[in-house]
Amino acid sequence: MPEGDTIAVAADALRQRLRGATITGVGGHHRAMIASGKRLHGAAVDDVVSRGKHLLIHFDNRWSLRVHLGMTGSWHLYRPGERWWTEAGRARVVLETDEATAVCFSAPTVSVGPTPRIEDEIDHLGPDLMGDGVDFGEVVRRATASEAATVADLLLDQRVAAGIGNVYKSEICFLERVHPSTDPTTLEPQRIERLFERGRRLLLANRRPGARSTTGYRDRDHWVYDCRGRPCSRCGSVIESGELGNPPRVTYWCPDCSPPPGL
């Protein structure tokens, strides 16, 4: 499930292979690539960056490419002529250089255009939790202004802070002993800040290739996420789950470590 850590790892890999290289071939079946991809041909890659769940590739002709992987997308790097892992019909973006081919499969959201326009598309995002010098005062300010009805919704609100997805939402609530259905307006600002600080620590700990882990233990990747019916590793209670938020998403919690509001 692509969250901020997944996008940052993809950006790191693409940056290493593409930065400074000239695009010698462009393809992909997304309508944005069909309409405007030709503007990237012959341009050199200036940089590849992640902004929360968005990946941006900037070119020296002042154009940029933005991709949001959604639930289905993934980036892959190949040597020229190397066989792809799946059929070409699923390729939404293809960028070729003399030494590498970058392919994004099955991404629902792709934009190509002048860099200022692409930057405007993500101007609504809150501070990137994987960025340098995160302003948590600004995160708290945005959280206070958010209309999120639950902490689960607040953590997923990319306008508050960018990068947290459904996996980290459940894990943050468990580690901070907050039930995900809690009304955010009942929390002190310091409590809200701790939630997002925890999210940043988890995201940064997983800025590496390989399986995501929020526990640090080999025998258990997650504390509560996808652990319904298993004993809580902290107190032994049976982990529960349910659909929370708007739109509803499966969420996990320990009923004793993070009791529902009012109990």
C-alpha atoms as a PDB file:
ATOM      1  CA  MET A   1       0.000   0.000   0.000  1.00  0.00           C
ATOM      2  CA  PRO A   2       1.862   3.136  -1.157  1.00  0.00           C
ATOM      3  CA  GLU A   3       2.294   5.690   1.613  1.00  0.00           C
ATOM      4  CA  GLY A   4       4.879   8.428   2.059  1.00  0.00           C
ATOM      5  CA  ASP A   5       7.716   6.006   2.745  1.00  0.00           C
ATOM      6  CA  THR A   6       7.004   3.979  -0.401  1.00  0.00           C
ATOM      7  CA  ILE A   7       6.987   7.111  -2.553  1.00  0.00           C
ATOM      8  CA  ALA A   8      10.211   8.413  -1.005  1.00  0.00           C
ATOM      9  CA  VAL A   9      11.971   5.097  -1.666  1.00  0.00           C
ATOM     10  CA  ALA A  10      10.762   5.148  -5.280  1.00  0.00           C
ATOM     11  CA  ALA A  11      11.947   8.746  -5.674  1.00  0.00           C
ATOM     12  CA  ASP A  12      15.372   7.839  -4.267  1.00  0.00           C
ATOM     13  CA  ALA A  13      15.768   4.986  -6.768  1.00  0.00           C
ATOM     14  CA  LEU A  14      14.559   7.040  -9.731  1.00  0.00           C
ATOM     15  CA  ARG A  15      16.765   9.980  -8.777  1.00  0.00           C
ATOM     16  CA  GLN A  16      19.840   7.773  -8.650  1.00  0.00           C
ATOM     17  CA  ARG A  17      19.216   6.391 -12.149  1.00  0.00           C
ATOM     18  CA  LEU A  18      17.653   9.364 -13.945  1.00  0.00           C
ATOM     19  CA  ARG A  19      19.010  12.639 -12.570  1.00  0.00           C
ATOM     20  CA  GLY A  20      21.128  14.400 -15.173  1.00  0.00           C
ATOM     21  CA  ALA A  21      20.123  11.972 -17.932  1.00  0.00           C
ATOM     22  CA  THR A  22      18.407  13.012 -21.156  1.00  0.00           C
ATOM     23  CA  ILE A  23      15.045  11.479 -22.001  1.00  0.00           C
ATOM     24  CA  THR A  24      15.440   9.611 -25.300  1.00  0.00           C
ATOM     25  CA  GLY A  25      12.029   7.961 -25.366  1.00  0.00           C
ATOM     26  CA  VAL A  26       8.589   8.655 -23.902  1.00  0.00           C
ATOM     27  CA  GLY A  27       5.537   6.433 -23.704  1.00  0.00           C
ATOM     28  CA  GLY A  28       2.683   5.267 -21.535  1.00  0.00           C
ATOM     29  CA  HIS A  29      -1.050   4.818 -21.906  1.00  0.00           C
ATOM     30  CA  HIS A  30      -2.236   7.486 -19.481  1.00  0.00           C
ATOM     31  CA  ARG A  31      -4.048  10.270 -21.284  1.00  0.00           C
ATOM     32  CA  ALA A  32      -1.662  12.868 -19.831  1.00  0.00           C
ATOM     33  CA  MET A  33       1.312  11.098 -21.408  1.00  0.00           C
ATOM     34  CA  ILE A  34      -0.511  10.697 -24.704  1.00  0.00           C
ATOM     35  CA  ALA A  35      -1.418  14.390 -24.764  1.00  0.00           C
ATOM     36  CA  SER A  36       1.772  15.995 -23.435  1.00  0.00           C
ATOM     37  CA  GLY A  37       4.456  13.362 -22.961  1.00  0.00           C
ATOM     38  CA  LYS A  38       6.245  14.451 -26.119  1.00  0.00           C
ATOM     39  CA  ARG A  39       7.244  17.675 -24.324  1.00  0.00           C
ATOM     40  CA  LEU A  40       9.555  15.584 -22.124  1.00  0.00           C
ATOM     41  CA  HIS A  41      11.467  14.055 -25.043  1.00  0.00           C
ATOM     42  CA  GLY A  42      14.967  15.505 -25.244  1.00  0.00           C
ATOM     43  CA  ALA A  43      14.764  17.143 -21.822  1.00  0.00           C
ATOM     44  CA  ALA A  44      17.187  16.276 -19.032  1.00  0.00           C
ATOM     45  CA  VAL A  45      15.993  15.215 -15.583  1.00  0.00           C
ATOM     46  CA  ASP A  46      16.755  17.920 -13.029  1.00  0.00           C
ATOM     47  CA  ASP A  47      15.452  16.101  -9.972  1.00  0.00           C
ATOM     48  CA  VAL A  48      13.038  13.508  -8.623  1.00  0.00           C
ATOM     49  CA  VAL A  49      11.243  14.353  -5.369  1.00  0.00           C
ATOM     50  CA  SER A  50       8.458  13.009  -3.201  1.00  0.00           C
ATOM     51  CA  ARG A  51       5.774  15.165  -1.591  1.00  0.00           C
ATOM     52  CA  GLY A  52       3.717  12.984   0.698  1.00  0.00           C
ATOM     53  CA  LYS A  53       2.096  10.437  -1.603  1.00  0.00           C
ATOM     54  CA  HIS A  54       3.002  12.332  -4.787  1.00  0.00           C
ATOM     55  CA  LEU A  55       6.138  11.750  -6.866  1.00  0.00           C
ATOM     56  CA  LEU A  56       7.403  14.555  -9.090  1.00  0.00           C
ATOM     57  CA  ILE A  57      10.040  14.476 -11.808  1.00  0.00           C
ATOM     58  CA  HIS A  58      11.354  17.897 -12.798  1.00  0.00           C
ATOM     59  CA  PHE A  59      12.998  18.508 -16.189  1.00  0.00           C
ATOM     60  CA  ASP A  60      15.391  21.187 -17.392  1.00  0.00           C
ATOM     61  CA  ASN A  61      12.824  22.603 -19.824  1.00  0.00           C
ATOM     62  CA  ARG A  62      10.742  23.728 -16.815  1.00  0.00           C
ATOM     63  CA  TRP A  63       8.188  20.970 -17.280  1.00  0.00           C
ATOM     64  CA  SER A  64       7.330  18.371 -14.658  1.00  0.00           C
ATOM     65  CA  LEU A  65       5.621  15.016 -14.306  1.00  0.00           C
ATOM     66  CA  ARG A  66       3.473  14.193 -11.267  1.00  0.00           C
ATOM     67  CA  VAL A  67       2.282  10.702 -10.351  1.00  0.00           C
ATOM     68  CA  HIS A  68       0.008   9.521  -7.526  1.00  0.00           C
ATOM     69  CA  LEU A  69       0.120   5.733  -7.269  1.00  0.00           C
ATOM     70  CA  GLY A  70      -3.237   5.364  -5.546  1.00  0.00           C
ATOM     71  CA  MET A  71      -3.849   1.786  -4.409  1.00  0.00           C
ATOM     72  CA  THR A  72      -2.625   0.091  -7.573  1.00  0.00           C
ATOM     73  CA  GLY A  73       0.400   1.900  -8.999  1.00  0.00           C
ATOM     74  CA  SER A  74       4.099   1.034  -8.793  1.00  0.00           C
ATOM     75  CA  TRP A  75       7.383   2.242 -10.268  1.00  0.00           C
ATOM     76  CA  HIS A  76       9.932  -0.101 -11.855  1.00  0.00           C
ATOM     77  CA  LEU A  77      13.420   0.461 -13.260  1.00  0.00           C
ATOM     78  CA  TYR A  78      14.930  -1.626 -16.058  1.00  0.00           C
ATOM     79  CA  ARG A  79      18.069  -1.779 -18.129  1.00  0.00           C
ATOM     80  CA  PRO A  80      17.491  -0.960 -21.813  1.00  0.00           C
ATOM     81  CA  GLY A  81      15.934  -3.987 -23.489  1.00  0.00           C
ATOM     82  CA  GLU A  82      15.242  -5.792 -20.210  1.00  0.00           C
ATOM     83  CA  ARG A  83      11.916  -7.641 -20.036  1.00  0.00           C
ATOM     84  CA  TRP A  84       9.192  -5.950 -17.990  1.00  0.00           C
ATOM     85  CA  TRP A  85       7.461  -7.781 -15.155  1.00  0.00           C
ATOM     86  CA  THR A  86       4.001  -7.357 -16.678  1.00  0.00           C
ATOM     87  CA  GLU A  87       2.302  -6.445 -19.937  1.00  0.00           C
ATOM     88  CA  ALA A  88       3.037  -3.108 -21.586  1.00  0.00           C
ATOM     89  CA  GLY A  89      -0.674  -2.264 -21.653  1.00  0.00           C
ATOM     90  CA  ARG A  90      -0.546  -1.532 -17.924  1.00  0.00           C
ATOM     91  CA  ALA A  91       2.246   1.040 -18.332  1.00  0.00           C
ATOM     92  CA  ARG A  92       0.932   4.523 -17.558  1.00  0.00           C
ATOM     93  CA  VAL A  93       4.320   6.271 -17.830  1.00  0.00           C
ATOM     94  CA  VAL A  94       7.478   5.232 -19.685  1.00  0.00           C
ATOM     95  CA  LEU A  95      10.670   7.303 -19.607  1.00  0.00           C
ATOM     96  CA  GLU A  96      13.734   6.035 -21.461  1.00  0.00           C
ATOM     97  CA  THR A  97      17.358   7.172 -21.240  1.00  0.00           C
ATOM     98  CA  ASP A  98      20.506   5.660 -22.711  1.00  0.00           C
ATOM     99  CA  GLU A  99      21.077   3.642 -19.539  1.00  0.00           C
ATOM    100  CA  ALA A 100      17.674   3.045 -17.942  1.00  0.00           C
ATOM    101  CA  THR A 101      13.951   2.716 -18.528  1.00  0.00           C
ATOM    102  CA  ALA A 102      11.554   3.895 -15.816  1.00  0.00           C
ATOM    103  CA  VAL A 103       8.030   2.506 -16.008  1.00  0.00           C
ATOM    104  CA  CYS A 104       5.050   3.325 -13.808  1.00  0.00           C
ATOM    105  CA  PHE A 105       2.334   0.685 -13.964  1.00  0.00           C
ATOM    106  CA  SER A 106      -1.347   1.088 -13.106  1.00  0.00           C
ATOM    107  CA  ALA A 107      -1.169   4.549 -11.524  1.00  0.00           C
ATOM    108  CA  PRO A 108      -4.557   6.313 -11.646  1.00  0.00           C
ATOM    109  CA  THR A 109      -3.222   9.877 -11.499  1.00  0.00           C
ATOM    110  CA  VAL A 110      -0.635  11.350 -13.879  1.00  0.00           C
ATOM    111  CA  SER A 111      -0.081  15.007 -14.755  1.00  0.00           C
ATOM    112  CA  VAL A 112       2.367  16.529 -17.219  1.00  0.00           C
ATOM    113  CA  GLY A 113       2.821  20.273 -17.633  1.00  0.00           C
ATOM    114  CA  PRO A 114       4.820  23.401 -16.884  1.00  0.00           C
ATOM    115  CA  THR A 115       6.375  23.104 -13.432  1.00  0.00           C
ATOM    116  CA  PRO A 116       4.398  25.985 -11.824  1.00  0.00           C
ATOM    117  CA  ARG A 117       1.115  24.337 -12.872  1.00  0.00           C
ATOM    118  CA  ILE A 118       2.181  20.965 -11.497  1.00  0.00           C
ATOM    119  CA  GLU A 119       3.303  22.563  -8.239  1.00  0.00           C
ATOM    120  CA  ASP A 120      -0.085  24.280  -7.972  1.00  0.00           C
ATOM    121  CA  GLU A 121      -1.774  20.861  -8.126  1.00  0.00           C
ATOM    122  CA  ILE A 122      -0.212  19.911  -4.784  1.00  0.00           C
ATOM    123  CA  ASP A 123      -0.261  23.347  -3.182  1.00  0.00           C
ATOM    124  CA  HIS A 124      -3.006  22.182  -0.812  1.00  0.00           C
ATOM    125  CA  LEU A 125      -0.756  19.613   0.876  1.00  0.00           C
ATOM    126  CA  GLY A 126       0.340  20.087   4.461  1.00  0.00           C
ATOM    127  CA  PRO A 127       3.987  19.753   5.513  1.00  0.00           C
ATOM    128  CA  ASP A 128       5.658  16.618   4.155  1.00  0.00           C
ATOM    129  CA  LEU A 129       6.359  14.452   7.198  1.00  0.00           C
ATOM    130  CA  MET A 130       9.418  12.998   5.474  1.00  0.00           C
ATOM    131  CA  GLY A 131      10.826  16.404   4.587  1.00  0.00           C
ATOM    132  CA  ASP A 132      13.548  18.337   6.369  1.00  0.00           C
ATOM    133  CA  GLY A 133      12.618  20.629   9.217  1.00  0.00           C
ATOM    134  CA  VAL A 134       8.928  19.757   9.530  1.00  0.00           C
ATOM    135  CA  ASP A 135       7.004  22.659  11.060  1.00  0.00           C
ATOM    136  CA  PHE A 136       4.826  20.837  13.570  1.00  0.00           C
ATOM    137  CA  GLY A 137       3.330  24.134  14.690  1.00  0.00           C
ATOM    138  CA  GLU A 138       1.891  24.469  11.188  1.00  0.00           C
ATOM    139  CA  VAL A 139       0.706  20.853  11.325  1.00  0.00           C
ATOM    140  CA  VAL A 140      -1.153  21.534  14.575  1.00  0.00           C
ATOM    141  CA  ARG A 141      -2.613  24.754  13.150  1.00  0.00           C
ATOM    142  CA  ARG A 142      -3.929  22.858  10.140  1.00  0.00           C
ATOM    143  CA  ALA A 143      -5.201  20.046  12.358  1.00  0.00           C
ATOM    144  CA  THR A 144      -7.121  22.523  14.495  1.00  0.00           C
ATOM    145  CA  ALA A 145      -8.729  23.970  11.371  1.00  0.00           C
ATOM    146  CA  SER A 146      -9.525  20.549   9.887  1.00  0.00           C
ATOM    147  CA  GLU A 147     -13.118  19.348   9.740  1.00  0.00           C
ATOM    148  CA  ALA A 148     -12.047  15.729  10.375  1.00  0.00           C
ATOM    149  CA  ALA A 149     -14.581  14.012  12.629  1.00  0.00           C
ATOM    150  CA  THR A 150     -12.174  11.383  13.975  1.00  0.00           C
ATOM    151  CA  VAL A 151      -8.456  11.031  14.633  1.00  0.00           C
ATOM    152  CA  ALA A 152      -8.440   8.401  11.877  1.00  0.00           C
ATOM    153  CA  ASP A 153      -9.690  11.007   9.393  1.00  0.00           C
ATOM    154  CA  LEU A 154      -7.303  13.650  10.739  1.00  0.00           C
ATOM    155  CA  LEU A 155      -4.223  11.477  10.226  1.00  0.00           C
ATOM    156  CA  LEU A 156      -5.276  10.715   6.663  1.00  0.00           C
ATOM    157  CA  ASP A 157      -6.020  14.358   5.820  1.00  0.00           C
ATOM    158  CA  GLN A 158      -3.154  15.256   3.493  1.00  0.00           C
ATOM    159  CA  ARG A 159      -4.030  18.946   3.885  1.00  0.00           C
ATOM    160  CA  VAL A 160      -2.909  18.670   7.508  1.00  0.00           C
ATOM    161  CA  ALA A 161       0.304  16.707   6.910  1.00  0.00           C
ATOM    162  CA  ALA A 162       1.365  14.701   3.884  1.00  0.00           C
ATOM    163  CA  GLY A 163       2.476  11.089   3.906  1.00  0.00           C
ATOM    164  CA  ILE A 164       0.353   9.072   6.344  1.00  0.00           C
ATOM    165  CA  GLY A 165      -1.860   6.335   4.917  1.00  0.00           C
ATOM    166  CA  ASN A 166      -4.103   3.601   6.233  1.00  0.00           C
ATOM    167  CA  VAL A 167      -1.350   1.380   7.659  1.00  0.00           C
ATOM    168  CA  TYR A 168       0.344   4.105   9.674  1.00  0.00           C
ATOM    169  CA  LYS A 169      -2.994   5.529  10.800  1.00  0.00           C
ATOM    170  CA  SER A 170      -3.744   2.412  12.859  1.00  0.00           C
ATOM    171  CA  GLU A 171      -0.162   2.011  14.070  1.00  0.00           C
ATOM    172  CA  ILE A 172       0.126   5.627  15.240  1.00  0.00           C
ATOM    173  CA  CYS A 173      -3.100   5.399  17.218  1.00  0.00           C
ATOM    174  CA  PHE A 174      -1.946   2.202  18.906  1.00  0.00           C
ATOM    175  CA  LEU A 175       1.485   3.532  19.838  1.00  0.00           C
ATOM    176  CA  GLU A 176       0.015   6.795  21.156  1.00  0.00           C
ATOM    177  CA  ARG A 177      -2.861   5.015  22.941  1.00  0.00           C
ATOM    178  CA  VAL A 178      -5.583   6.955  21.125  1.00  0.00           C
ATOM    179  CA  HIS A 179      -8.653   5.208  19.753  1.00  0.00           C
ATOM    180  CA  PRO A 180      -8.978   6.046  16.040  1.00  0.00           C
ATOM    181  CA  SER A 181     -12.633   7.097  16.472  1.00  0.00           C
ATOM    182  CA  THR A 182     -11.679   9.838  18.952  1.00  0.00           C
ATOM    183  CA  ASP A 183     -12.952  13.340  18.183  1.00  0.00           C
ATOM    184  CA  PRO A 184      -9.792  15.385  17.445  1.00  0.00           C
ATOM    185  CA  THR A 185     -11.264  18.481  19.095  1.00  0.00           C
ATOM    186  CA  THR A 186     -11.028  16.696  22.458  1.00  0.00           C
ATOM    187  CA  LEU A 187      -7.224  16.423  22.176  1.00  0.00           C
ATOM    188  CA  GLU A 188      -4.756  19.022  23.413  1.00  0.00           C
ATOM    189  CA  PRO A 189      -2.438  20.530  20.770  1.00  0.00           C
ATOM    190  CA  GLN A 190       0.542  18.746  22.334  1.00  0.00           C
ATOM    191  CA  ARG A 191      -1.278  15.432  21.944  1.00  0.00           C
ATOM    192  CA  ILE A 192      -1.997  16.131  18.280  1.00  0.00           C
ATOM    193  CA  GLU A 193       1.627  17.067  17.704  1.00  0.00           C
ATOM    194  CA  ARG A 194       2.781  13.775  19.241  1.00  0.00           C
ATOM    195  CA  LEU A 195       0.551  11.833  16.856  1.00  0.00           C
ATOM    196  CA  PHE A 196       2.177  13.418  13.806  1.00  0.00           C
ATOM    197  CA  GLU A 197       5.667  13.236  15.286  1.00  0.00           C
ATOM    198  CA  ARG A 198       5.116   9.512  15.730  1.00  0.00           C
ATOM    199  CA  GLY A 199       4.008   9.301  12.118  1.00  0.00           C
ATOM    200  CA  ARG A 200       7.193  11.013  10.969  1.00  0.00           C
ATOM    201  CA  ARG A 201       9.369   8.602  12.965  1.00  0.00           C
ATOM    202  CA  LEU A 202       7.604   5.573  11.495  1.00  0.00           C
ATOM    203  CA  LEU A 203       7.817   6.908   7.952  1.00  0.00           C
ATOM    204  CA  LEU A 204      11.513   7.744   8.214  1.00  0.00           C
ATOM    205  CA  ALA A 205      12.300   4.344   9.739  1.00  0.00           C
ATOM    206  CA  ASN A 206      10.903   2.740   6.598  1.00  0.00           C
ATOM    207  CA  ARG A 207      12.695   4.888   4.038  1.00  0.00           C
ATOM    208  CA  ARG A 208      14.528   1.848   2.725  1.00  0.00           C
ATOM    209  CA  PRO A 209      13.850  -0.975   0.270  1.00  0.00           C
ATOM    210  CA  GLY A 210      12.139  -4.067   1.604  1.00  0.00           C
ATOM    211  CA  ALA A 211       9.095  -4.898   3.677  1.00  0.00           C
ATOM    212  CA  ARG A 212       7.610  -2.209   5.879  1.00  0.00           C
ATOM    213  CA  SER A 213       7.853  -2.756   9.635  1.00  0.00           C
ATOM    214  CA  THR A 214       6.523  -0.587  12.424  1.00  0.00           C
ATOM    215  CA  THR A 215       7.621  -2.869  15.272  1.00  0.00           C
ATOM    216  CA  GLY A 216      11.275  -3.624  14.585  1.00  0.00           C
ATOM    217  CA  TYR A 217      10.593  -7.317  15.181  1.00  0.00           C
ATOM    218  CA  ARG A 218      11.111  -9.983  12.525  1.00  0.00           C
ATOM    219  CA  ASP A 219       8.142 -12.060  13.618  1.00  0.00           C
ATOM    220  CA  ARG A 220       5.622  -9.193  13.613  1.00  0.00           C
ATOM    221  CA  ASP A 221       5.632  -6.432  11.021  1.00  0.00           C
ATOM    222  CA  HIS A 222       2.795  -4.404  12.560  1.00  0.00           C
ATOM    223  CA  TRP A 223       1.417  -3.827  16.042  1.00  0.00           C
ATOM    224  CA  VAL A 224      -2.271  -3.838  15.071  1.00  0.00           C
ATOM    225  CA  TYR A 225      -2.657  -3.301  11.311  1.00  0.00           C
ATOM    226  CA  ASP A 226      -3.985  -6.453   9.626  1.00  0.00           C
ATOM    227  CA  CYS A 227      -3.790  -8.234  12.998  1.00  0.00           C
ATOM    228  CA  ARG A 228      -7.493  -8.694  13.771  1.00  0.00           C
ATOM    229  CA  GLY A 229      -8.003 -11.611  16.139  1.00  0.00           C
ATOM    230  CA  ARG A 230      -4.367 -11.759  17.211  1.00  0.00           C
ATOM    231  CA  PRO A 231      -3.269 -10.950  20.754  1.00  0.00           C
ATOM    232  CA  CYS A 232      -1.935  -7.480  21.405  1.00  0.00           C
ATOM    233  CA  SER A 233       1.812  -7.707  21.943  1.00  0.00           C
ATOM    234  CA  ARG A 234       1.541  -5.076  24.678  1.00  0.00           C
ATOM    235  CA  CYS A 235      -1.366  -6.324  26.822  1.00  0.00           C
ATOM    236  CA  GLY A 236      -2.585  -9.603  25.285  1.00  0.00           C
ATOM    237  CA  SER A 237      -6.105  -8.396  24.455  1.00  0.00           C
ATOM    238  CA  VAL A 238      -7.576  -9.467  21.121  1.00  0.00           C
ATOM    239  CA  ILE A 239      -7.080  -6.863  18.409  1.00  0.00           C
ATOM    240  CA  GLU A 240     -10.275  -5.561  16.821  1.00  0.00           C
ATOM    241  CA  SER A 241     -11.071  -3.872  13.533  1.00  0.00           C
ATOM    242  CA  GLY A 242     -13.868  -1.997  11.844  1.00  0.00           C
ATOM    243  CA  GLU A 243     -14.589   0.530   9.131  1.00  0.00           C
ATOM    244  CA  LEU A 244     -14.016   4.080  10.315  1.00  0.00           C
ATOM    245  CA  GLY A 245     -13.798   7.458   8.673  1.00  0.00           C
ATOM    246  CA  ASN A 246     -15.207   9.201   5.637  1.00  0.00           C
ATOM    247  CA  PRO A 247     -14.893   7.364   3.342  1.00  0.00           C
ATOM    248  CA  PRO A 248     -14.875   4.250   5.552  1.00  0.00           C
ATOM    249  CA  ARG A 249     -11.540   2.414   5.706  1.00  0.00           C
ATOM    250  CA  VAL A 250     -10.642  -0.713   7.631  1.00  0.00           C
ATOM    251  CA  THR A 251      -8.980   0.350  10.869  1.00  0.00           C
ATOM    252  CA  TYR A 252      -7.383  -1.718  13.641  1.00  0.00           C
ATOM    253  CA  TRP A 253      -7.014  -1.114  17.382  1.00  0.00           C
ATOM    254  CA  CYS A 254      -6.447  -2.776  20.735  1.00  0.00           C
ATOM    255  CA  PRO A 255      -9.583  -2.280  22.885  1.00  0.00           C
ATOM    256  CA  ASP A 256      -7.532  -2.052  26.102  1.00  0.00           C
ATOM    257  CA  CYS A 257      -4.484  -0.061  24.961  1.00  0.00           C
ATOM    258  CA  SER A 258      -6.661   2.344  22.947  1.00  0.00           C
ATOM    259  CA  PRO A 259     -10.134   2.172  24.485  1.00  0.00           C
ATOM    260  CA  PRO A 260     -13.037   3.792  22.644  1.00  0.00           C
ATOM    261  CA  PRO A 261     -13.990   7.327  23.726  1.00  0.00           C
ATOM    262  CA  GLY A 262     -16.103   7.425  26.862  1.00  0.00           C
ATOM    263  CA  LEU A 263     -14.737   4.223  28.357  1.00  0.00           C
END
